[in-house]
Amino acid sequence: MLLAGALASVALTAGTSDATVSADSASADPGPTDSDSAPGYRMRTDARFAPPGAFVPSAAVTYDGTGLVPPAAWIEVSQRSEERGRTTVALRVTGLKAGHAYGVHVHRDPCGAEPAAAGGHYQHRPSTDPAAANPENEVWLDFTADDRGEGGASARHDWNFRRGEAASVVLHAEPGGAGARLACFTVPFGWAG
């Protein structure tokens, strides 16, 4: 797993687990508000993309040689899960190719030196049926980068991740259920309940 140089902290507050991980700098989340005090899991992590085998490894790996996800582009992923309830995953990126449409999905395994290392898409109801690869059964964060190369998306589901079965976010060359894997970010997804 490529996670060198990342700073991590985990705090328990009023039944809520907050994890903040940053490869660029340590950052603190503000204290809990009334809406944050419900039991569950909250996490936010960010990193800069680097090629596999970079002198300074990163949790964010770019496999792209076309400039769609260049080294030093930035990614942030956050998760908010309610105990036995809803999960929201959000994505923000900068430094990508302006105007390009990307497909982004949560994958089962951590990133590695090869794009295939992240395994398949995380599915709420695992299936080998191609019809199960859809935004209701998976976490899709597709977006189009704006004229500055920035973008973002969020997805909300009425289910939580299963323990240890969601581990990364993969950026694909095109929106939808497939497309070449351009980059991968290992993410400490959690579960609640």
N, C-alpha and C. Protein backbone atom coordinates (compact mmCIF):
# COMPACT_ATOMS: atom_id res chain seq x y z
N MET A 1 0.85 -1.16 0.00
CA MET A 1 0.00 0.00 0.00
C MET A 1 0.89 1.23 0.00
N LEU A 2 0.62 2.19 -0.87
CA LEU A 2 1.41 3.40 -0.98
C LEU A 2 0.79 4.49 -0.12
N LEU A 3 1.35 4.75 1.05
CA LEU A 3 0.78 5.76 1.92
C LEU A 3 1.87 6.50 2.68
N ALA A 4 3.11 6.47 2.20
CA ALA A 4 4.20 7.11 2.90
C ALA A 4 4.00 8.61 2.93
N GLY A 5 4.42 9.23 4.00
CA GLY A 5 4.37 10.67 4.12
C GLY A 5 3.02 11.21 4.56
N ALA A 6 2.00 10.40 4.67
CA ALA A 6 0.69 10.89 5.06
C ALA A 6 0.63 11.04 6.57
N LEU A 7 -0.02 12.09 7.01
CA LEU A 7 -0.23 12.33 8.43
C LEU A 7 -1.64 11.90 8.76
N ALA A 8 -1.83 11.25 9.88
CA ALA A 8 -3.17 10.77 10.20
C ALA A 8 -3.51 11.06 11.64
N SER A 9 -4.77 11.34 11.88
CA SER A 9 -5.26 11.46 13.25
C SER A 9 -6.66 10.92 13.29
N VAL A 10 -7.01 10.31 14.38
CA VAL A 10 -8.35 9.79 14.57
C VAL A 10 -8.82 10.25 15.94
N ALA A 11 -10.03 10.79 15.99
CA ALA A 11 -10.58 11.25 17.25
C ALA A 11 -11.98 10.71 17.42
N LEU A 12 -12.33 10.37 18.64
CA LEU A 12 -13.70 9.94 18.93
C LEU A 12 -14.37 11.07 19.69
N THR A 13 -15.53 11.51 19.19
CA THR A 13 -16.26 12.59 19.82
C THR A 13 -17.74 12.25 19.82
N ALA A 14 -18.34 12.20 20.95
CA ALA A 14 -19.78 11.97 21.10
C ALA A 14 -20.27 10.83 20.23
N GLY A 15 -19.52 9.74 20.20
CA GLY A 15 -19.94 8.58 19.42
C GLY A 15 -19.61 8.68 17.95
N THR A 16 -18.94 9.73 17.53
CA THR A 16 -18.60 9.90 16.12
C THR A 16 -17.11 9.72 15.94
N SER A 17 -16.71 8.96 14.95
CA SER A 17 -15.30 8.79 14.65
C SER A 17 -14.93 9.74 13.53
N ASP A 18 -13.97 10.63 13.76
CA ASP A 18 -13.46 11.54 12.75
C ASP A 18 -12.06 11.13 12.38
N ALA A 19 -11.79 10.95 11.10
CA ALA A 19 -10.43 10.67 10.66
C ALA A 19 -10.05 11.74 9.65
N THR A 20 -8.96 12.42 9.89
CA THR A 20 -8.47 13.41 8.94
C THR A 20 -7.08 12.98 8.54
N VAL A 21 -6.86 12.78 7.25
CA VAL A 21 -5.57 12.34 6.75
C VAL A 21 -5.17 13.30 5.65
N SER A 22 -3.96 13.79 5.68
CA SER A 22 -3.49 14.70 4.64
C SER A 22 -2.06 14.40 4.28
N ALA A 23 -1.81 14.27 2.99
CA ALA A 23 -0.44 14.06 2.54
C ALA A 23 0.29 15.38 2.41
N ASP A 24 -0.44 16.49 2.34
CA ASP A 24 0.18 17.80 2.16
C ASP A 24 0.42 18.50 3.49
N SER A 25 -0.53 18.41 4.39
CA SER A 25 -0.38 19.05 5.69
C SER A 25 -1.43 18.50 6.64
N ALA A 26 -1.14 18.60 7.91
CA ALA A 26 -2.14 18.18 8.88
C ALA A 26 -3.21 19.24 8.95
N SER A 27 -4.46 18.85 8.98
CA SER A 27 -5.54 19.82 9.11
C SER A 27 -6.53 19.29 10.11
N ALA A 28 -7.12 20.18 10.83
CA ALA A 28 -8.07 19.77 11.85
C ALA A 28 -9.48 20.09 11.39
N ASP A 29 -10.38 19.17 11.61
CA ASP A 29 -11.79 19.43 11.36
C ASP A 29 -12.31 20.29 12.50
N PRO A 30 -13.27 21.16 12.23
CA PRO A 30 -13.87 21.90 13.34
C PRO A 30 -14.57 20.91 14.27
N GLY A 31 -14.82 21.33 15.48
CA GLY A 31 -15.47 20.47 16.44
C GLY A 31 -16.86 20.06 15.98
N PRO A 32 -17.44 19.06 16.62
CA PRO A 32 -18.74 18.57 16.18
C PRO A 32 -19.83 19.61 16.40
N THR A 33 -20.78 19.64 15.48
CA THR A 33 -21.98 20.45 15.64
C THR A 33 -23.10 19.49 16.00
N ASP A 34 -24.29 20.03 16.22
CA ASP A 34 -25.41 19.16 16.57
C ASP A 34 -25.62 18.07 15.54
N SER A 35 -25.48 18.40 14.24
CA SER A 35 -25.70 17.39 13.21
C SER A 35 -24.55 16.39 13.13
N ASP A 36 -23.37 16.76 13.70
CA ASP A 36 -22.22 15.86 13.67
C ASP A 36 -22.19 14.91 14.87
N SER A 37 -23.06 15.10 15.87
CA SER A 37 -22.94 14.33 17.09
C SER A 37 -23.57 12.94 17.02
N ALA A 38 -24.27 12.64 15.93
CA ALA A 38 -24.87 11.32 15.80
C ALA A 38 -23.76 10.29 15.59
N PRO A 39 -23.95 9.07 16.12
CA PRO A 39 -22.95 8.03 15.92
C PRO A 39 -22.75 7.74 14.43
N GLY A 40 -21.52 7.46 14.06
CA GLY A 40 -21.21 7.16 12.67
C GLY A 40 -19.73 7.30 12.41
N TYR A 41 -19.40 7.59 11.17
CA TYR A 41 -17.99 7.69 10.76
C TYR A 41 -17.84 8.89 9.84
N ARG A 42 -16.83 9.72 10.12
CA ARG A 42 -16.49 10.86 9.26
C ARG A 42 -15.01 10.80 8.94
N MET A 43 -14.69 11.09 7.68
CA MET A 43 -13.30 11.04 7.26
C MET A 43 -13.11 12.03 6.11
N ARG A 44 -11.93 12.63 6.07
CA ARG A 44 -11.51 13.46 4.94
C ARG A 44 -10.02 13.24 4.74
N THR A 45 -9.61 13.00 3.49
CA THR A 45 -8.21 12.75 3.19
C THR A 45 -7.87 13.39 1.85
N ASP A 46 -6.63 13.83 1.69
CA ASP A 46 -6.22 14.42 0.43
C ASP A 46 -4.76 14.09 0.14
N ALA A 47 -4.38 14.24 -1.12
CA ALA A 47 -3.00 13.95 -1.52
C ALA A 47 -2.74 14.56 -2.89
N ARG A 48 -1.48 14.58 -3.28
CA ARG A 48 -1.06 14.97 -4.62
C ARG A 48 -0.67 13.70 -5.37
N PHE A 49 -1.07 13.63 -6.64
CA PHE A 49 -0.76 12.45 -7.44
C PHE A 49 0.73 12.39 -7.76
N ALA A 50 1.28 11.18 -7.75
CA ALA A 50 2.66 10.91 -8.13
C ALA A 50 2.69 9.61 -8.92
N PRO A 51 3.64 9.44 -9.82
CA PRO A 51 3.71 8.18 -10.56
C PRO A 51 4.16 7.03 -9.65
N PRO A 52 3.83 5.78 -10.03
CA PRO A 52 4.33 4.65 -9.24
C PRO A 52 5.85 4.70 -9.17
N GLY A 53 6.39 4.38 -8.02
CA GLY A 53 7.84 4.37 -7.87
C GLY A 53 8.45 5.75 -7.71
N ALA A 54 7.64 6.79 -7.47
CA ALA A 54 8.16 8.14 -7.28
C ALA A 54 9.10 8.17 -6.07
N PHE A 55 10.07 9.07 -6.10
CA PHE A 55 11.02 9.21 -5.01
C PHE A 55 10.29 9.46 -3.69
N VAL A 56 9.26 10.31 -3.74
CA VAL A 56 8.40 10.53 -2.58
C VAL A 56 7.05 9.90 -2.91
N PRO A 57 6.79 8.69 -2.41
CA PRO A 57 5.54 7.99 -2.73
C PRO A 57 4.33 8.76 -2.20
N SER A 58 3.21 8.50 -2.81
CA SER A 58 1.96 9.15 -2.42
C SER A 58 0.85 8.11 -2.37
N ALA A 59 -0.18 8.38 -1.59
CA ALA A 59 -1.38 7.54 -1.57
C ALA A 59 -2.17 7.71 -2.85
N ALA A 60 -1.86 8.77 -3.61
CA ALA A 60 -2.51 9.04 -4.90
C ALA A 60 -1.52 8.75 -6.02
N VAL A 61 -1.85 7.77 -6.86
CA VAL A 61 -0.94 7.30 -7.91
C VAL A 61 -1.54 7.62 -9.28
N THR A 62 -0.74 8.23 -10.16
CA THR A 62 -1.20 8.45 -11.53
C THR A 62 -0.49 7.47 -12.45
N TYR A 63 -1.29 6.82 -13.30
CA TYR A 63 -0.76 5.88 -14.30
C TYR A 63 -0.80 6.52 -15.68
N ASP A 64 -1.26 7.75 -15.76
CA ASP A 64 -1.62 8.42 -17.00
C ASP A 64 -0.41 9.08 -17.65
N GLY A 65 -0.23 8.80 -18.93
CA GLY A 65 0.82 9.46 -19.70
C GLY A 65 0.26 10.46 -20.69
N THR A 66 -1.04 10.74 -20.62
CA THR A 66 -1.67 11.63 -21.59
C THR A 66 -1.94 13.02 -21.06
N GLY A 67 -1.68 13.27 -19.78
CA GLY A 67 -1.93 14.59 -19.21
C GLY A 67 -3.32 14.75 -18.62
N LEU A 68 -4.11 13.70 -18.58
CA LEU A 68 -5.45 13.80 -17.99
C LEU A 68 -5.38 13.89 -16.46
N VAL A 69 -4.43 13.16 -15.85
CA VAL A 69 -4.18 13.23 -14.41
C VAL A 69 -2.66 13.37 -14.23
N PRO A 70 -2.14 14.60 -14.36
CA PRO A 70 -0.69 14.78 -14.27
C PRO A 70 -0.17 14.67 -12.84
N PRO A 71 1.12 14.36 -12.67
CA PRO A 71 1.72 14.38 -11.34
C PRO A 71 1.50 15.77 -10.73
N ALA A 72 1.29 15.81 -9.43
CA ALA A 72 1.05 17.01 -8.63
C ALA A 72 -0.40 17.49 -8.69
N ALA A 73 -1.26 16.88 -9.51
CA ALA A 73 -2.69 17.19 -9.41
C ALA A 73 -3.13 16.77 -8.01
N TRP A 74 -4.18 17.41 -7.49
CA TRP A 74 -4.60 17.21 -6.11
C TRP A 74 -5.97 16.56 -6.06
N ILE A 75 -6.18 15.72 -5.04
CA ILE A 75 -7.47 15.05 -4.83
C ILE A 75 -7.81 15.06 -3.35
N GLU A 76 -9.10 15.23 -3.06
CA GLU A 76 -9.60 15.12 -1.69
C GLU A 76 -10.86 14.27 -1.74
N VAL A 77 -10.97 13.34 -0.81
CA VAL A 77 -12.15 12.49 -0.69
C VAL A 77 -12.62 12.56 0.76
N SER A 78 -13.93 12.69 0.94
CA SER A 78 -14.49 12.68 2.28
C SER A 78 -15.64 11.68 2.34
N GLN A 79 -15.89 11.21 3.53
CA GLN A 79 -16.97 10.25 3.77
C GLN A 79 -17.69 10.65 5.04
N ARG A 80 -19.00 10.56 5.01
CA ARG A 80 -19.82 10.74 6.20
C ARG A 80 -20.83 9.60 6.20
N SER A 81 -20.76 8.74 7.21
CA SER A 81 -21.69 7.61 7.31
C SER A 81 -22.41 7.67 8.64
N GLU A 82 -23.72 7.51 8.57
CA GLU A 82 -24.53 7.43 9.77
C GLU A 82 -24.59 5.97 10.22
N GLU A 83 -24.69 5.77 11.52
CA GLU A 83 -24.78 4.41 12.03
C GLU A 83 -26.04 3.74 11.47
N ARG A 84 -25.85 2.59 10.81
CA ARG A 84 -26.94 1.83 10.20
C ARG A 84 -27.79 2.68 9.26
N GLY A 85 -27.15 3.61 8.55
CA GLY A 85 -27.92 4.51 7.70
C GLY A 85 -27.19 4.95 6.46
N ARG A 86 -27.33 6.20 6.15
CA ARG A 86 -26.83 6.77 4.91
C ARG A 86 -25.32 6.97 4.92
N THR A 87 -24.74 6.91 3.70
CA THR A 87 -23.33 7.23 3.48
C THR A 87 -23.24 8.24 2.35
N THR A 88 -22.46 9.30 2.58
CA THR A 88 -22.18 10.28 1.55
C THR A 88 -20.68 10.30 1.31
N VAL A 89 -20.27 10.17 0.05
CA VAL A 89 -18.87 10.27 -0.34
C VAL A 89 -18.75 11.47 -1.27
N ALA A 90 -17.78 12.34 -1.00
CA ALA A 90 -17.57 13.53 -1.83
C ALA A 90 -16.14 13.55 -2.34
N LEU A 91 -15.96 14.15 -3.51
CA LEU A 91 -14.67 14.21 -4.20
C LEU A 91 -14.42 15.64 -4.66
N ARG A 92 -13.20 16.13 -4.50
CA ARG A 92 -12.75 17.40 -5.10
C ARG A 92 -11.38 17.14 -5.72
N VAL A 93 -11.14 17.74 -6.89
CA VAL A 93 -9.86 17.59 -7.57
C VAL A 93 -9.44 18.92 -8.19
N THR A 94 -8.13 19.11 -8.35
CA THR A 94 -7.58 20.25 -9.08
C THR A 94 -6.40 19.76 -9.91
N GLY A 95 -6.06 20.51 -10.94
CA GLY A 95 -4.88 20.20 -11.75
C GLY A 95 -5.11 19.19 -12.84
N LEU A 96 -6.38 18.88 -13.17
CA LEU A 96 -6.68 17.92 -14.23
C LEU A 96 -6.86 18.65 -15.56
N LYS A 97 -7.10 17.88 -16.63
CA LYS A 97 -7.28 18.47 -17.95
C LYS A 97 -8.63 19.17 -18.04
N ALA A 98 -8.62 20.45 -18.36
CA ALA A 98 -9.84 21.24 -18.45
C ALA A 98 -10.79 20.65 -19.48
N GLY A 99 -12.06 20.58 -19.11
CA GLY A 99 -13.10 20.14 -20.03
C GLY A 99 -13.24 18.65 -20.21
N HIS A 100 -12.36 17.85 -19.61
CA HIS A 100 -12.45 16.40 -19.78
C HIS A 100 -13.47 15.81 -18.81
N ALA A 101 -14.26 14.83 -19.29
CA ALA A 101 -15.23 14.11 -18.46
C ALA A 101 -14.58 12.85 -17.90
N TYR A 102 -14.59 12.72 -16.58
CA TYR A 102 -13.96 11.60 -15.89
C TYR A 102 -15.02 10.70 -15.25
N GLY A 103 -14.74 9.41 -15.22
CA GLY A 103 -15.51 8.47 -14.43
C GLY A 103 -14.73 8.20 -13.15
N VAL A 104 -15.41 8.19 -12.03
CA VAL A 104 -14.74 7.96 -10.75
C VAL A 104 -15.60 7.00 -9.94
N HIS A 105 -14.97 5.97 -9.37
CA HIS A 105 -15.69 4.97 -8.60
C HIS A 105 -14.89 4.57 -7.36
N VAL A 106 -15.59 4.15 -6.32
CA VAL A 106 -14.94 3.53 -5.17
C VAL A 106 -14.61 2.10 -5.57
N HIS A 107 -13.37 1.68 -5.28
CA HIS A 107 -12.91 0.32 -5.60
C HIS A 107 -12.63 -0.45 -4.31
N ARG A 108 -12.51 -1.77 -4.44
CA ARG A 108 -12.41 -2.67 -3.27
C ARG A 108 -11.03 -2.71 -2.63
N ASP A 109 -9.96 -2.54 -3.39
CA ASP A 109 -8.60 -2.75 -2.87
C ASP A 109 -7.79 -1.46 -2.92
N PRO A 110 -6.69 -1.38 -2.15
CA PRO A 110 -5.81 -0.22 -2.20
C PRO A 110 -5.11 -0.12 -3.56
N CYS A 111 -4.60 1.05 -3.86
CA CYS A 111 -3.84 1.29 -5.08
C CYS A 111 -2.52 0.54 -5.03
N GLY A 112 -1.94 0.31 -6.19
CA GLY A 112 -0.64 -0.33 -6.30
C GLY A 112 0.10 0.23 -7.50
N ALA A 113 1.21 -0.40 -7.82
CA ALA A 113 2.03 0.06 -8.94
C ALA A 113 1.34 -0.12 -10.29
N GLU A 114 0.41 -1.07 -10.36
CA GLU A 114 -0.34 -1.33 -11.59
C GLU A 114 -1.79 -0.90 -11.41
N PRO A 115 -2.44 -0.40 -12.45
CA PRO A 115 -3.84 0.04 -12.32
C PRO A 115 -4.80 -1.03 -11.82
N ALA A 116 -4.56 -2.29 -12.15
CA ALA A 116 -5.47 -3.37 -11.75
C ALA A 116 -5.43 -3.66 -10.26
N ALA A 117 -4.43 -3.16 -9.54
CA ALA A 117 -4.27 -3.47 -8.11
C ALA A 117 -5.50 -3.10 -7.29
N ALA A 118 -6.25 -2.09 -7.69
CA ALA A 118 -7.40 -1.62 -6.91
C ALA A 118 -8.60 -2.56 -6.99
N GLY A 119 -8.51 -3.61 -7.78
CA GLY A 119 -9.61 -4.55 -7.88
C GLY A 119 -10.83 -3.94 -8.55
N GLY A 120 -11.97 -4.55 -8.34
CA GLY A 120 -13.20 -4.09 -8.97
C GLY A 120 -13.89 -3.01 -8.16
N HIS A 121 -15.01 -2.54 -8.71
CA HIS A 121 -15.82 -1.53 -8.03
C HIS A 121 -16.41 -2.12 -6.75
N TYR A 122 -16.49 -1.30 -5.71
CA TYR A 122 -17.24 -1.71 -4.53
C TYR A 122 -18.71 -1.75 -4.91
N GLN A 123 -19.39 -2.82 -4.54
CA GLN A 123 -20.83 -2.95 -4.80
C GLN A 123 -21.56 -3.23 -3.50
N HIS A 124 -22.67 -2.52 -3.30
CA HIS A 124 -23.50 -2.76 -2.12
C HIS A 124 -24.05 -4.18 -2.13
N ARG A 125 -24.53 -4.60 -3.28
CA ARG A 125 -24.97 -5.98 -3.48
C ARG A 125 -24.05 -6.61 -4.52
N PRO A 126 -22.99 -7.29 -4.06
CA PRO A 126 -22.01 -7.86 -5.01
C PRO A 126 -22.67 -8.77 -6.03
N SER A 127 -22.24 -8.61 -7.29
CA SER A 127 -22.82 -9.39 -8.36
C SER A 127 -21.85 -9.45 -9.54
N THR A 128 -21.93 -10.51 -10.30
CA THR A 128 -21.16 -10.61 -11.54
C THR A 128 -22.00 -10.19 -12.74
N ASP A 129 -23.26 -9.87 -12.52
CA ASP A 129 -24.15 -9.40 -13.58
C ASP A 129 -23.74 -7.98 -13.98
N PRO A 130 -23.42 -7.73 -15.25
CA PRO A 130 -23.02 -6.38 -15.69
C PRO A 130 -24.05 -5.31 -15.34
N ALA A 131 -25.32 -5.68 -15.23
CA ALA A 131 -26.36 -4.72 -14.89
C ALA A 131 -26.21 -4.19 -13.46
N ALA A 132 -25.46 -4.89 -12.60
CA ALA A 132 -25.25 -4.46 -11.22
C ALA A 132 -24.24 -3.33 -11.12
N ALA A 133 -23.52 -3.05 -12.20
CA ALA A 133 -22.58 -1.93 -12.24
C ALA A 133 -23.37 -0.68 -12.59
N ASN A 134 -23.94 -0.06 -11.56
CA ASN A 134 -24.76 1.13 -11.76
C ASN A 134 -24.62 2.06 -10.56
N PRO A 135 -25.01 3.33 -10.69
CA PRO A 135 -24.81 4.29 -9.61
C PRO A 135 -25.63 4.04 -8.34
N GLU A 136 -26.63 3.18 -8.39
CA GLU A 136 -27.39 2.87 -7.19
C GLU A 136 -26.71 1.77 -6.37
N ASN A 137 -26.00 0.88 -7.02
CA ASN A 137 -25.34 -0.24 -6.35
C ASN A 137 -23.87 0.04 -6.08
N GLU A 138 -23.32 1.06 -6.69
CA GLU A 138 -21.91 1.43 -6.54
C GLU A 138 -21.83 2.92 -6.20
N VAL A 139 -20.63 3.38 -5.84
CA VAL A 139 -20.42 4.80 -5.58
C VAL A 139 -19.76 5.39 -6.82
N TRP A 140 -20.54 6.15 -7.59
CA TRP A 140 -20.05 6.82 -8.80
C TRP A 140 -19.92 8.31 -8.51
N LEU A 141 -18.76 8.87 -8.84
CA LEU A 141 -18.46 10.28 -8.61
C LEU A 141 -18.01 10.94 -9.91
N ASP A 142 -18.67 10.63 -11.02
CA ASP A 142 -18.30 11.16 -12.33
C ASP A 142 -18.44 12.69 -12.35
N PHE A 143 -17.55 13.36 -13.07
CA PHE A 143 -17.58 14.82 -13.18
C PHE A 143 -16.85 15.24 -14.46
N THR A 144 -17.04 16.48 -14.84
CA THR A 144 -16.29 17.10 -15.94
C THR A 144 -15.47 18.24 -15.35
N ALA A 145 -14.16 18.25 -15.61
CA ALA A 145 -13.30 19.31 -15.08
C ALA A 145 -13.67 20.64 -15.72
N ASP A 146 -13.67 21.69 -14.93
CA ASP A 146 -14.00 23.02 -15.45
C ASP A 146 -12.82 23.60 -16.22
N ASP A 147 -12.93 24.86 -16.62
CA ASP A 147 -11.87 25.48 -17.44
C ASP A 147 -10.57 25.71 -16.69
N ARG A 148 -10.57 25.51 -15.37
CA ARG A 148 -9.33 25.58 -14.56
C ARG A 148 -8.80 24.21 -14.21
N GLY A 149 -9.47 23.13 -14.70
CA GLY A 149 -9.04 21.77 -14.38
C GLY A 149 -9.50 21.29 -13.03
N GLU A 150 -10.53 21.93 -12.48
CA GLU A 150 -11.06 21.57 -11.18
C GLU A 150 -12.41 20.86 -11.35
N GLY A 151 -12.74 20.04 -10.39
CA GLY A 151 -14.03 19.35 -10.45
C GLY A 151 -14.38 18.74 -9.13
N GLY A 152 -15.58 18.20 -9.08
CA GLY A 152 -16.03 17.55 -7.86
C GLY A 152 -17.36 16.87 -8.08
N ALA A 153 -17.68 16.01 -7.16
CA ALA A 153 -18.95 15.28 -7.20
C ALA A 153 -19.20 14.69 -5.83
N SER A 154 -20.45 14.31 -5.59
CA SER A 154 -20.77 13.58 -4.37
C SER A 154 -21.85 12.56 -4.69
N ALA A 155 -21.89 11.52 -3.89
CA ALA A 155 -22.90 10.46 -4.04
C ALA A 155 -23.41 10.12 -2.65
N ARG A 156 -24.72 9.93 -2.56
CA ARG A 156 -25.34 9.58 -1.28
C ARG A 156 -26.14 8.30 -1.46
N HIS A 157 -25.95 7.38 -0.52
CA HIS A 157 -26.65 6.10 -0.55
C HIS A 157 -27.28 5.82 0.80
N ASP A 158 -28.29 5.00 0.81
CA ASP A 158 -28.97 4.62 2.05
C ASP A 158 -28.35 3.36 2.66
N TRP A 159 -27.06 3.16 2.44
CA TRP A 159 -26.34 2.02 2.98
C TRP A 159 -24.92 2.44 3.36
N ASN A 160 -24.28 1.62 4.20
CA ASN A 160 -22.90 1.83 4.63
C ASN A 160 -21.99 0.85 3.89
N PHE A 161 -20.69 1.16 3.89
CA PHE A 161 -19.70 0.21 3.37
C PHE A 161 -19.61 -0.97 4.33
N ARG A 162 -19.30 -2.13 3.79
CA ARG A 162 -18.98 -3.28 4.64
C ARG A 162 -17.53 -3.15 5.11
N ARG A 163 -17.27 -3.62 6.31
CA ARG A 163 -15.94 -3.51 6.92
C ARG A 163 -14.85 -4.05 6.00
N GLY A 164 -13.86 -3.20 5.69
CA GLY A 164 -12.69 -3.61 4.93
C GLY A 164 -12.91 -3.90 3.46
N GLU A 165 -14.06 -3.53 2.91
CA GLU A 165 -14.34 -3.88 1.51
C GLU A 165 -14.29 -2.69 0.55
N ALA A 166 -14.01 -1.49 1.05
CA ALA A 166 -13.84 -0.31 0.21
C ALA A 166 -12.50 0.31 0.57
N ALA A 167 -11.60 0.52 -0.41
CA ALA A 167 -10.25 0.94 -0.06
C ALA A 167 -9.64 2.02 -0.95
N SER A 168 -10.30 2.37 -2.06
CA SER A 168 -9.69 3.36 -2.95
C SER A 168 -10.73 4.01 -3.84
N VAL A 169 -10.29 5.08 -4.50
CA VAL A 169 -11.08 5.77 -5.52
C VAL A 169 -10.24 5.74 -6.79
N VAL A 170 -10.85 5.30 -7.90
CA VAL A 170 -10.14 5.22 -9.18
C VAL A 170 -10.75 6.23 -10.15
N LEU A 171 -9.88 7.00 -10.80
CA LEU A 171 -10.29 7.92 -11.86
C LEU A 171 -10.15 7.20 -13.19
N HIS A 172 -11.25 7.14 -13.93
CA HIS A 172 -11.28 6.48 -15.24
C HIS A 172 -11.29 7.52 -16.35
N ALA A 173 -10.90 7.11 -17.55
CA ALA A 173 -10.77 8.02 -18.70
C ALA A 173 -12.11 8.51 -19.23
N GLU A 174 -13.20 7.85 -18.86
CA GLU A 174 -14.52 8.26 -19.34
C GLU A 174 -15.56 8.00 -18.28
N PRO A 175 -16.66 8.77 -18.27
CA PRO A 175 -17.71 8.54 -17.29
C PRO A 175 -18.46 7.24 -17.56
N GLY A 176 -19.19 6.79 -16.56
CA GLY A 176 -19.95 5.55 -16.69
C GLY A 176 -19.28 4.42 -15.94
N GLY A 177 -19.64 3.20 -16.28
CA GLY A 177 -19.19 2.04 -15.53
C GLY A 177 -17.82 1.51 -15.86
N ALA A 178 -17.13 2.04 -16.86
CA ALA A 178 -15.84 1.48 -17.25
C ALA A 178 -14.93 2.59 -17.77
N GLY A 179 -13.88 2.21 -18.50
CA GLY A 179 -12.91 3.17 -19.02
C GLY A 179 -11.55 2.89 -18.44
N ALA A 180 -10.51 3.27 -19.16
CA ALA A 180 -9.14 3.04 -18.72
C ALA A 180 -8.91 3.68 -17.35
N ARG A 181 -8.14 3.01 -16.50
CA ARG A 181 -7.81 3.53 -15.17
C ARG A 181 -6.64 4.50 -15.31
N LEU A 182 -6.91 5.77 -15.04
CA LEU A 182 -5.90 6.82 -15.16
C LEU A 182 -5.11 7.01 -13.87
N ALA A 183 -5.79 6.90 -12.73
CA ALA A 183 -5.18 7.21 -11.44
C ALA A 183 -5.96 6.53 -10.34
N CYS A 184 -5.33 6.44 -9.16
CA CYS A 184 -5.94 5.76 -8.02
C CYS A 184 -5.52 6.46 -6.74
N PHE A 185 -6.42 6.54 -5.78
CA PHE A 185 -6.15 7.16 -4.49
C PHE A 185 -6.60 6.19 -3.39
N THR A 186 -5.66 5.72 -2.56
CA THR A 186 -5.98 4.85 -1.44
C THR A 186 -6.64 5.70 -0.35
N VAL A 187 -7.82 5.27 0.09
CA VAL A 187 -8.65 6.07 1.00
C VAL A 187 -9.04 5.22 2.22
N PRO A 188 -8.95 5.77 3.43
CA PRO A 188 -9.34 5.01 4.62
C PRO A 188 -10.84 5.03 4.85
N PHE A 189 -11.60 4.44 3.92
CA PHE A 189 -13.05 4.37 4.08
C PHE A 189 -13.37 3.60 5.35
N GLY A 190 -14.44 4.00 6.01
CA GLY A 190 -14.87 3.32 7.23
C GLY A 190 -16.29 2.85 7.11
N TRP A 191 -16.82 2.35 8.19
CA TRP A 191 -18.17 1.80 8.23
C TRP A 191 -18.78 2.20 9.55
N ALA A 192 -20.06 2.19 9.60
CA ALA A 192 -20.77 2.57 10.82
C ALA A 192 -21.88 1.56 11.07
N GLY A 193 -21.89 1.00 12.24
CA GLY A 193 -22.97 0.10 12.61
C GLY A 193 -22.86 -1.27 12.19
